[in-house]
Amino acid sequence: MSPLGLLSAGEKAEVVEVMMQKGCCQGAGKGQSCHAEDMGLRAGKVVEMLNNGGGGPLLLKVDESRIAISRGMAMKIMVKKSD
């Protein structure tokens, strides 16, 4: 397992875990982890890294959608690379 933020462009991986922040989704307000799940980044989903260059946000393909997420959020999402 490795963080989503370490994938290179063109690599595919399955989401294994979205690291929860303290109090996330438990009545204490929404955190980044819950926001990631709202965008479709939840355990079992296969994602493809479209762009991971430079210092800005990452561009991912999830199902038929393209989403941009921050590097900080990407480092909290653990994935298993597809063969």
PDB file of N, CA and C in Angstrom:
ATOM      1  N   MET A   1       0.842  -1.187   0.000  1.00  0.00           N
ATOM      2  CA  MET A   1       0.000   0.000   0.000  1.00  0.00           C
ATOM      3  C   MET A   1       0.879   1.239   0.000  1.00  0.00           C
ATOM      4  N   SER A   2       0.359   2.256  -0.675  1.00  0.00           N
ATOM      5  CA  SER A   2       1.064   3.534  -0.698  1.00  0.00           C
ATOM      6  C   SER A   2       0.045   4.653  -0.842  1.00  0.00           C
ATOM      7  N   PRO A   3       0.442   5.884  -0.553  1.00  0.00           N
ATOM      8  CA  PRO A   3      -0.481   7.007  -0.708  1.00  0.00           C
ATOM      9  C   PRO A   3      -0.786   7.278  -2.185  1.00  0.00           C
ATOM     10  N   LEU A   4      -1.994   7.689  -2.463  1.00  0.00           N
ATOM     11  CA  LEU A   4      -2.421   8.028  -3.816  1.00  0.00           C
ATOM     12  C   LEU A   4      -1.506   9.078  -4.438  1.00  0.00           C
ATOM     13  N   GLY A   5      -1.017   9.994  -3.642  1.00  0.00           N
ATOM     14  CA  GLY A   5      -0.183  11.073  -4.139  1.00  0.00           C
ATOM     15  C   GLY A   5       1.143  10.629  -4.729  1.00  0.00           C
ATOM     16  N   LEU A   6       1.525   9.360  -4.548  1.00  0.00           N
ATOM     17  CA  LEU A   6       2.800   8.865  -5.075  1.00  0.00           C
ATOM     18  C   LEU A   6       2.644   8.153  -6.408  1.00  0.00           C
ATOM     19  N   LEU A   7       1.424   8.022  -6.934  1.00  0.00           N
ATOM     20  CA  LEU A   7       1.233   7.397  -8.243  1.00  0.00           C
ATOM     21  C   LEU A   7       1.756   8.313  -9.338  1.00  0.00           C
ATOM     22  N   SER A   8       2.241   7.715 -10.402  1.00  0.00           N
ATOM     23  CA  SER A   8       2.686   8.468 -11.575  1.00  0.00           C
ATOM     24  C   SER A   8       1.542   8.536 -12.579  1.00  0.00           C
ATOM     25  N   ALA A   9       1.636   9.493 -13.497  1.00  0.00           N
ATOM     26  CA  ALA A   9       0.616   9.635 -14.535  1.00  0.00           C
ATOM     27  C   ALA A   9       0.483   8.320 -15.306  1.00  0.00           C
ATOM     28  N   GLY A  10      -0.764   7.892 -15.525  1.00  0.00           N
ATOM     29  CA  GLY A  10      -1.039   6.656 -16.251  1.00  0.00           C
ATOM     30  C   GLY A  10      -1.218   5.434 -15.372  1.00  0.00           C
ATOM     31  N   GLU A  11      -0.793   5.500 -14.117  1.00  0.00           N
ATOM     32  CA  GLU A  11      -0.932   4.344 -13.222  1.00  0.00           C
ATOM     33  C   GLU A  11      -2.356   4.245 -12.686  1.00  0.00           C
ATOM     34  N   LYS A  12      -2.796   2.991 -12.495  1.00  0.00           N
ATOM     35  CA  LYS A  12      -4.107   2.721 -11.909  1.00  0.00           C
ATOM     36  C   LYS A  12      -3.905   2.042 -10.566  1.00  0.00           C
ATOM     37  N   ALA A  13      -4.849   2.297  -9.651  1.00  0.00           N
ATOM     38  CA  ALA A  13      -4.760   1.693  -8.322  1.00  0.00           C
ATOM     39  C   ALA A  13      -6.150   1.588  -7.724  1.00  0.00           C
ATOM     40  N   GLU A  14      -6.294   0.664  -6.791  1.00  0.00           N
ATOM     41  CA  GLU A  14      -7.548   0.486  -6.057  1.00  0.00           C
ATOM     42  C   GLU A  14      -7.436   1.180  -4.708  1.00  0.00           C
ATOM     43  N   VAL A  15      -8.450   1.957  -4.368  1.00  0.00           N
ATOM     44  CA  VAL A  15      -8.474   2.632  -3.074  1.00  0.00           C
ATOM     45  C   VAL A  15      -8.682   1.581  -1.988  1.00  0.00           C
ATOM     46  N   VAL A  16      -7.801   1.571  -1.002  1.00  0.00           N
ATOM     47  CA  VAL A  16      -7.879   0.614   0.103  1.00  0.00           C
ATOM     48  C   VAL A  16      -8.467   1.281   1.341  1.00  0.00           C
ATOM     49  N   GLU A  17      -8.040   2.530   1.609  1.00  0.00           N
ATOM     50  CA  GLU A  17      -8.479   3.201   2.834  1.00  0.00           C
ATOM     51  C   GLU A  17      -8.411   4.708   2.651  1.00  0.00           C
ATOM     52  N   VAL A  18      -9.427   5.383   3.157  1.00  0.00           N
ATOM     53  CA  VAL A  18      -9.405   6.839   3.245  1.00  0.00           C
ATOM     54  C   VAL A  18      -9.224   7.150   4.715  1.00  0.00           C
ATOM     55  N   MET A  19      -8.070   7.715   5.060  1.00  0.00           N
ATOM     56  CA  MET A  19      -7.750   7.966   6.467  1.00  0.00           C
ATOM     57  C   MET A  19      -8.692   9.023   7.027  1.00  0.00           C
ATOM     58  N   MET A  20      -9.396   8.664   8.081  1.00  0.00           N
ATOM     59  CA  MET A  20     -10.369   9.565   8.692  1.00  0.00           C
ATOM     60  C   MET A  20      -9.690  10.508   9.671  1.00  0.00           C
ATOM     61  N   GLN A  21     -10.138  11.755   9.653  1.00  0.00           N
ATOM     62  CA  GLN A  21      -9.682  12.701  10.648  1.00  0.00           C
ATOM     63  C   GLN A  21     -10.566  12.572  11.875  1.00  0.00           C
ATOM     64  N   LYS A  22     -10.045  12.960  13.004  1.00  0.00           N
ATOM     65  CA  LYS A  22     -10.794  12.886  14.245  1.00  0.00           C
ATOM     66  C   LYS A  22     -12.106  13.657  14.120  1.00  0.00           C
ATOM     67  N   GLY A  23     -13.216  12.997  14.383  1.00  0.00           N
ATOM     68  CA  GLY A  23     -14.520  13.643  14.359  1.00  0.00           C
ATOM     69  C   GLY A  23     -15.171  13.683  12.989  1.00  0.00           C
ATOM     70  N   CYS A  24     -14.518  13.185  11.972  1.00  0.00           N
ATOM     71  CA  CYS A  24     -15.076  13.265  10.619  1.00  0.00           C
ATOM     72  C   CYS A  24     -16.302  12.377  10.493  1.00  0.00           C
ATOM     73  N   CYS A  25     -17.343  12.910   9.923  1.00  0.00           N
ATOM     74  CA  CYS A  25     -18.584  12.179   9.640  1.00  0.00           C
ATOM     75  C   CYS A  25     -19.255  11.635  10.886  1.00  0.00           C
ATOM     76  N   GLN A  26     -18.982  12.216  12.039  1.00  0.00           N
ATOM     77  CA  GLN A  26     -19.606  11.709  13.253  1.00  0.00           C
ATOM     78  C   GLN A  26     -20.291  12.833  14.003  1.00  0.00           C
ATOM     79  N   GLY A  27     -20.945  13.724  13.243  1.00  0.00           N
ATOM     80  CA  GLY A  27     -21.683  14.804  13.859  1.00  0.00           C
ATOM     81  C   GLY A  27     -20.837  15.997  14.256  1.00  0.00           C
ATOM     82  N   ALA A  28     -19.529  15.903  14.070  1.00  0.00           N
ATOM     83  CA  ALA A  28     -18.644  16.995  14.480  1.00  0.00           C
ATOM     84  C   ALA A  28     -18.231  17.859  13.288  1.00  0.00           C
ATOM     85  N   GLY A  29     -18.900  17.706  12.163  1.00  0.00           N
ATOM     86  CA  GLY A  29     -18.558  18.489  10.977  1.00  0.00           C
ATOM     87  C   GLY A  29     -17.853  17.628   9.949  1.00  0.00           C
ATOM     88  N   LYS A  30     -17.809  18.141   8.735  1.00  0.00           N
ATOM     89  CA  LYS A  30     -17.192  17.379   7.648  1.00  0.00           C
ATOM     90  C   LYS A  30     -15.718  17.713   7.522  1.00  0.00           C
ATOM     91  N   GLY A  31     -14.885  16.691   7.399  1.00  0.00           N
ATOM     92  CA  GLY A  31     -13.456  16.885   7.174  1.00  0.00           C
ATOM     93  C   GLY A  31     -13.110  16.528   5.746  1.00  0.00           C
ATOM     94  N   GLN A  32     -11.838  16.625   5.406  1.00  0.00           N
ATOM     95  CA  GLN A  32     -11.389  16.330   4.052  1.00  0.00           C
ATOM     96  C   GLN A  32     -11.655  14.886   3.657  1.00  0.00           C
ATOM     97  N   SER A  33     -11.491  13.964   4.590  1.00  0.00           N
ATOM     98  CA  SER A  33     -11.675  12.559   4.259  1.00  0.00           C
ATOM     99  C   SER A  33     -13.089  12.290   3.777  1.00  0.00           C
ATOM    100  N   CYS A  34     -14.074  12.862   4.433  1.00  0.00           N
ATOM    101  CA  CYS A  34     -15.457  12.678   4.028  1.00  0.00           C
ATOM    102  C   CYS A  34     -15.692  13.323   2.669  1.00  0.00           C
ATOM    103  N   HIS A  35     -15.070  14.447   2.431  1.00  0.00           N
ATOM    104  CA  HIS A  35     -15.200  15.117   1.143  1.00  0.00           C
ATOM    105  C   HIS A  35     -14.653  14.217   0.036  1.00  0.00           C
ATOM    106  N   ALA A  36     -13.556  13.525   0.299  1.00  0.00           N
ATOM    107  CA  ALA A  36     -12.982  12.600  -0.680  1.00  0.00           C
ATOM    108  C   ALA A  36     -13.980  11.486  -0.999  1.00  0.00           C
ATOM    109  N   GLU A  37     -14.622  10.956   0.005  1.00  0.00           N
ATOM    110  CA  GLU A  37     -15.608   9.903  -0.216  1.00  0.00           C
ATOM    111  C   GLU A  37     -16.821  10.434  -0.977  1.00  0.00           C
ATOM    112  N   ASP A  38     -17.201  11.666  -0.722  1.00  0.00           N
ATOM    113  CA  ASP A  38     -18.309  12.280  -1.457  1.00  0.00           C
ATOM    114  C   ASP A  38     -17.990  12.388  -2.946  1.00  0.00           C
ATOM    115  N   MET A  39     -16.709  12.543  -3.279  1.00  0.00           N
ATOM    116  CA  MET A  39     -16.299  12.648  -4.679  1.00  0.00           C
ATOM    117  C   MET A  39     -16.117  11.282  -5.341  1.00  0.00           C
ATOM    118  N   GLY A  40     -16.354  10.205  -4.608  1.00  0.00           N
ATOM    119  CA  GLY A  40     -16.237   8.868  -5.171  1.00  0.00           C
ATOM    120  C   GLY A  40     -14.973   8.138  -4.800  1.00  0.00           C
ATOM    121  N   LEU A  41     -14.113   8.751  -4.004  1.00  0.00           N
ATOM    122  CA  LEU A  41     -12.871   8.110  -3.584  1.00  0.00           C
ATOM    123  C   LEU A  41     -13.119   7.316  -2.318  1.00  0.00           C
ATOM    124  N   ARG A  42     -13.633   6.109  -2.494  1.00  0.00           N
ATOM    125  CA  ARG A  42     -13.909   5.239  -1.341  1.00  0.00           C
ATOM    126  C   ARG A  42     -13.314   3.868  -1.600  1.00  0.00           C
ATOM    127  N   ALA A  43     -13.174   3.082  -0.550  1.00  0.00           N
ATOM    128  CA  ALA A  43     -12.541   1.768  -0.634  1.00  0.00           C
ATOM    129  C   ALA A  43     -13.191   0.919  -1.723  1.00  0.00           C
ATOM    130  N   GLY A  44     -12.348   0.276  -2.518  1.00  0.00           N
ATOM    131  CA  GLY A  44     -12.805  -0.596  -3.591  1.00  0.00           C
ATOM    132  C   GLY A  44     -12.839   0.058  -4.965  1.00  0.00           C
ATOM    133  N   LYS A  45     -12.813   1.378  -5.025  1.00  0.00           N
ATOM    134  CA  LYS A  45     -12.848   2.090  -6.309  1.00  0.00           C
ATOM    135  C   LYS A  45     -11.469   2.028  -6.969  1.00  0.00           C
ATOM    136  N   VAL A  46     -11.471   1.870  -8.287  1.00  0.00           N
ATOM    137  CA  VAL A  46     -10.229   1.920  -9.050  1.00  0.00           C
ATOM    138  C   VAL A  46     -10.106   3.320  -9.630  1.00  0.00           C
ATOM    139  N   VAL A  47      -8.943   3.925  -9.424  1.00  0.00           N
ATOM    140  CA  VAL A  47      -8.683   5.277  -9.914  1.00  0.00           C
ATOM    141  C   VAL A  47      -7.487   5.236 -10.864  1.00  0.00           C
ATOM    142  N   GLU A  48      -7.446   6.198 -11.771  1.00  0.00           N
ATOM    143  CA  GLU A  48      -6.313   6.344 -12.672  1.00  0.00           C
ATOM    144  C   GLU A  48      -5.738   7.743 -12.497  1.00  0.00           C
ATOM    145  N   MET A  49      -4.434   7.816 -12.320  1.00  0.00           N
ATOM    146  CA  MET A  49      -3.767   9.103 -12.187  1.00  0.00           C
ATOM    147  C   MET A  49      -3.586   9.693 -13.582  1.00  0.00           C
ATOM    148  N   LEU A  50      -4.175  10.851 -13.821  1.00  0.00           N
ATOM    149  CA  LEU A  50      -4.052  11.510 -15.120  1.00  0.00           C
ATOM    150  C   LEU A  50      -2.912  12.517 -15.140  1.00  0.00           C
ATOM    151  N   ASN A  51      -2.711  13.234 -14.029  1.00  0.00           N
ATOM    152  CA  ASN A  51      -1.639  14.230 -13.971  1.00  0.00           C
ATOM    153  C   ASN A  51      -1.145  14.365 -12.539  1.00  0.00           C
ATOM    154  N   ASN A  52       0.146  14.142 -12.364  1.00  0.00           N
ATOM    155  CA  ASN A  52       0.773  14.298 -11.052  1.00  0.00           C
ATOM    156  C   ASN A  52       2.099  15.036 -11.230  1.00  0.00           C
ATOM    157  N   GLY A  53       2.042  16.111 -11.981  1.00  0.00           N
ATOM    158  CA  GLY A  53       3.264  16.869 -12.232  1.00  0.00           C
ATOM    159  C   GLY A  53       3.217  18.214 -11.527  1.00  0.00           C
ATOM    160  N   GLY A  54       4.374  18.727 -11.218  1.00  0.00           N
ATOM    161  CA  GLY A  54       4.443  20.035 -10.583  1.00  0.00           C
ATOM    162  C   GLY A  54       4.014  19.996  -9.130  1.00  0.00           C
ATOM    163  N   GLY A  55       3.678  21.159  -8.604  1.00  0.00           N
ATOM    164  CA  GLY A  55       3.331  21.244  -7.189  1.00  0.00           C
ATOM    165  C   GLY A  55       1.865  21.501  -6.934  1.00  0.00           C
ATOM    166  N   GLY A  56       1.049  21.494  -7.968  1.00  0.00           N
ATOM    167  CA  GLY A  56      -0.370  21.801  -7.801  1.00  0.00           C
ATOM    168  C   GLY A  56      -1.213  20.579  -7.513  1.00  0.00           C
ATOM    169  N   PRO A  57      -2.517  20.693  -7.730  1.00  0.00           N
ATOM    170  CA  PRO A  57      -3.419  19.574  -7.466  1.00  0.00           C
ATOM    171  C   PRO A  57      -3.201  18.413  -8.432  1.00  0.00           C
ATOM    172  N   LEU A  58      -3.683  17.246  -8.046  1.00  0.00           N
ATOM    173  CA  LEU A  58      -3.588  16.038  -8.860  1.00  0.00           C
ATOM    174  C   LEU A  58      -4.884  15.865  -9.631  1.00  0.00           C
ATOM    175  N   LEU A  59      -4.797  15.333 -10.833  1.00  0.00           N
ATOM    176  CA  LEU A  59      -5.978  15.071 -11.641  1.00  0.00           C
ATOM    177  C   LEU A  59      -6.158  13.567 -11.734  1.00  0.00           C
ATOM    178  N   LEU A  60      -7.342  13.093 -11.323  1.00  0.00           N
ATOM    179  CA  LEU A  60      -7.655  11.666 -11.292  1.00  0.00           C
ATOM    180  C   LEU A  60      -8.862  11.350 -12.151  1.00  0.00           C
ATOM    181  N   LYS A  61      -8.926  10.106 -12.605  1.00  0.00           N
ATOM    182  CA  LYS A  61     -10.134   9.600 -13.251  1.00  0.00           C
ATOM    183  C   LYS A  61     -10.757   8.585 -12.295  1.00  0.00           C
ATOM    184  N   VAL A  62     -12.003   8.833 -11.919  1.00  0.00           N
ATOM    185  CA  VAL A  62     -12.749   7.937 -11.043  1.00  0.00           C
ATOM    186  C   VAL A  62     -14.049   7.614 -11.769  1.00  0.00           C
ATOM    187  N   ASP A  63     -14.279   6.349 -12.079  1.00  0.00           N
ATOM    188  CA  ASP A  63     -15.395   5.943 -12.930  1.00  0.00           C
ATOM    189  C   ASP A  63     -15.270   6.706 -14.248  1.00  0.00           C
ATOM    190  N   GLU A  64     -16.256   7.482 -14.611  1.00  0.00           N
ATOM    191  CA  GLU A  64     -16.199   8.264 -15.856  1.00  0.00           C
ATOM    192  C   GLU A  64     -15.978   9.746 -15.584  1.00  0.00           C
ATOM    193  N   SER A  65     -15.597  10.082 -14.365  1.00  0.00           N
ATOM    194  CA  SER A  65     -15.392  11.481 -13.986  1.00  0.00           C
ATOM    195  C   SER A  65     -13.915  11.788 -13.808  1.00  0.00           C
ATOM    196  N   ARG A  66     -13.571  13.040 -14.023  1.00  0.00           N
ATOM    197  CA  ARG A  66     -12.230  13.539 -13.726  1.00  0.00           C
ATOM    198  C   ARG A  66     -12.355  14.484 -12.554  1.00  0.00           C
ATOM    199  N   ILE A  67     -11.510  14.275 -11.553  1.00  0.00           N
ATOM    200  CA  ILE A  67     -11.558  15.139 -10.373  1.00  0.00           C
ATOM    201  C   ILE A  67     -10.150  15.612 -10.035  1.00  0.00           C
ATOM    202  N   ALA A  68     -10.073  16.786  -9.457  1.00  0.00           N
ATOM    203  CA  ALA A  68      -8.800  17.335  -8.980  1.00  0.00           C
ATOM    204  C   ALA A  68      -8.832  17.347  -7.461  1.00  0.00           C
ATOM    205  N   ILE A  69      -7.757  16.878  -6.850  1.00  0.00           N
ATOM    206  CA  ILE A  69      -7.659  16.899  -5.390  1.00  0.00           C
ATOM    207  C   ILE A  69      -6.295  17.452  -4.991  1.00  0.00           C
ATOM    208  N   SER A  70      -6.228  17.976  -3.796  1.00  0.00           N
ATOM    209  CA  SER A  70      -4.968  18.532  -3.295  1.00  0.00           C
ATOM    210  C   SER A  70      -3.986  17.409  -2.965  1.00  0.00           C
ATOM    211  N   ARG A  71      -2.719  17.755  -2.948  1.00  0.00           N
ATOM    212  CA  ARG A  71      -1.697  16.766  -2.586  1.00  0.00           C
ATOM    213  C   ARG A  71      -1.875  16.290  -1.152  1.00  0.00           C
ATOM    214  N   GLY A  72      -2.273  17.203  -0.273  1.00  0.00           N
ATOM    215  CA  GLY A  72      -2.488  16.824   1.117  1.00  0.00           C
ATOM    216  C   GLY A  72      -3.564  15.768   1.255  1.00  0.00           C
ATOM    217  N   MET A  73      -4.668  15.948   0.533  1.00  0.00           N
ATOM    218  CA  MET A  73      -5.744  14.962   0.573  1.00  0.00           C
ATOM    219  C   MET A  73      -5.283  13.644  -0.049  1.00  0.00           C
ATOM    220  N   ALA A  74      -4.525  13.732  -1.154  1.00  0.00           N
ATOM    221  CA  ALA A  74      -4.055  12.524  -1.838  1.00  0.00           C
ATOM    222  C   ALA A  74      -3.140  11.688  -0.948  1.00  0.00           C
ATOM    223  N   MET A  75      -2.403  12.327  -0.061  1.00  0.00           N
ATOM    224  CA  MET A  75      -1.501  11.595   0.816  1.00  0.00           C
ATOM    225  C   MET A  75      -2.250  10.890   1.951  1.00  0.00           C
ATOM    226  N   LYS A  76      -3.540  11.182   2.126  1.00  0.00           N
ATOM    227  CA  LYS A  76      -4.355  10.531   3.158  1.00  0.00           C
ATOM    228  C   LYS A  76      -5.183   9.390   2.595  1.00  0.00           C
ATOM    229  N   ILE A  77      -5.036   9.117   1.297  1.00  0.00           N
ATOM    230  CA  ILE A  77      -5.788   8.047   0.642  1.00  0.00           C
ATOM    231  C   ILE A  77      -4.813   6.946   0.276  1.00  0.00           C
ATOM    232  N   MET A  78      -4.968   5.781   0.895  1.00  0.00           N
ATOM    233  CA  MET A  78      -4.058   4.662   0.661  1.00  0.00           C
ATOM    234  C   MET A  78      -4.602   3.800  -0.483  1.00  0.00           C
ATOM    235  N   VAL A  79      -3.699   3.432  -1.406  1.00  0.00           N
ATOM    236  CA  VAL A  79      -4.095   2.660  -2.574  1.00  0.00           C
ATOM    237  C   VAL A  79      -3.174   1.454  -2.772  1.00  0.00           C
ATOM    238  N   LYS A  80      -3.672   0.495  -3.560  1.00  0.00           N
ATOM    239  CA  LYS A  80      -2.892  -0.671  -3.948  1.00  0.00           C
ATOM    240  C   LYS A  80      -2.799  -0.630  -5.466  1.00  0.00           C
ATOM    241  N   LYS A  81      -1.581  -0.558  -5.997  1.00  0.00           N
ATOM    242  CA  LYS A  81      -1.381  -0.458  -7.435  1.00  0.00           C
ATOM    243  C   LYS A  81      -1.922  -1.680  -8.155  1.00  0.00           C
ATOM    244  N   SER A  82      -2.551  -1.438  -9.318  1.00  0.00           N
ATOM    245  CA  SER A  82      -3.047  -2.524 -10.177  1.00  0.00           C
ATOM    246  C   SER A  82      -1.896  -3.050 -11.003  1.00  0.00           C
ATOM    247  N   ASP A  83      -1.963  -4.325 -11.321  1.00  0.00           N
ATOM    248  CA  ASP A  83      -0.906  -4.950 -12.156  1.00  0.00           C
ATOM    249  C   ASP A  83      -1.199  -4.769 -13.610  1.00  0.00           C
TER     250      ASP A  83
END
